[in-house]
Amino acid sequence: MRLAQTRRHFDQIDSTNTFALNWPDAPDGVLVYADSQTQGRGRLGRHWVSPPGVGLYFSLVLRDLAPETKARLSLLVGLAVAQAVEECAGISVQIKWPNDVLARDQKIGGILCEATADRVVAGVGLNLNHSQQQLPDRPVFPASSLLLQTGRSFERDTVLDAIVAALEIQLDSADWATQRAQIEDKLYGRGELVRAAGAMGLLQGIGDDGALLVRTADGIKEVRSGEVEFL
């Protein structure tokens, strides 16, 4: 699959995901990106802080995905982001189910996948060159940036192109077993005690449809929504 052959750039926009969802004739694989967002969105309606010129804020329009790929998409995008960041920044990156990207237990990025009848939009926010003052206060998994993690600044387009290239590979692959192993290798908290969807147990891994697998006293519970609390 070829992605981002067409790119639409905005100096400022309310939300790249909102635009991509509502663009009537958006071509398959088109990339929408912006220097800043005034109403950037994260999961569960949370605001994604998107100051100008320091972050990577983009959305990809994806059509005709197989049902199983749609179910796993957030994790596949997270894997591509993690691989690209490791390549560009030389730091270890983890994926926190279902949609956060972490470095040293700090949040550097997030993924928001949304669907309409004719498309899925995969949105990514990645903190590149934010100072600490430009980041939101978070009591758990505090926000960070690649600049703060490495002491170096990063070119947005270099990181963007690396993510797109990594995601093309993931979407072209039919080897879910390898993909799942790669995701689980980067899965934050694997083997730790968690509480999710009313159940408490050990975080075991990822199911075939992208569900989080938690080993409880009553067996394996598949978690498909909600928050995970690390105990």
Foldseek 3Di string as FASTA:
>chain_A
DAAQPAEAEEQEEQAQQVCLQPVVCDDARHKYWYQFHNAYAAPPGDGDQGDGDFKTKMKTKHFDADQLCLLAVLLLLQLLLQVLCCVFLVFHWADEPPWFIAGPLATFKTWDWDDDPTTIMIIIIGGFGDDPVSADADPGRHHDHSCRVRVDGDDRVSSVVSSSVSSVVSSPDPCVVVVQVSNFVRYPQAQFWKAAPNFIAGFHGADSSRFTWGQGPVGTDTHRDDDIGTD
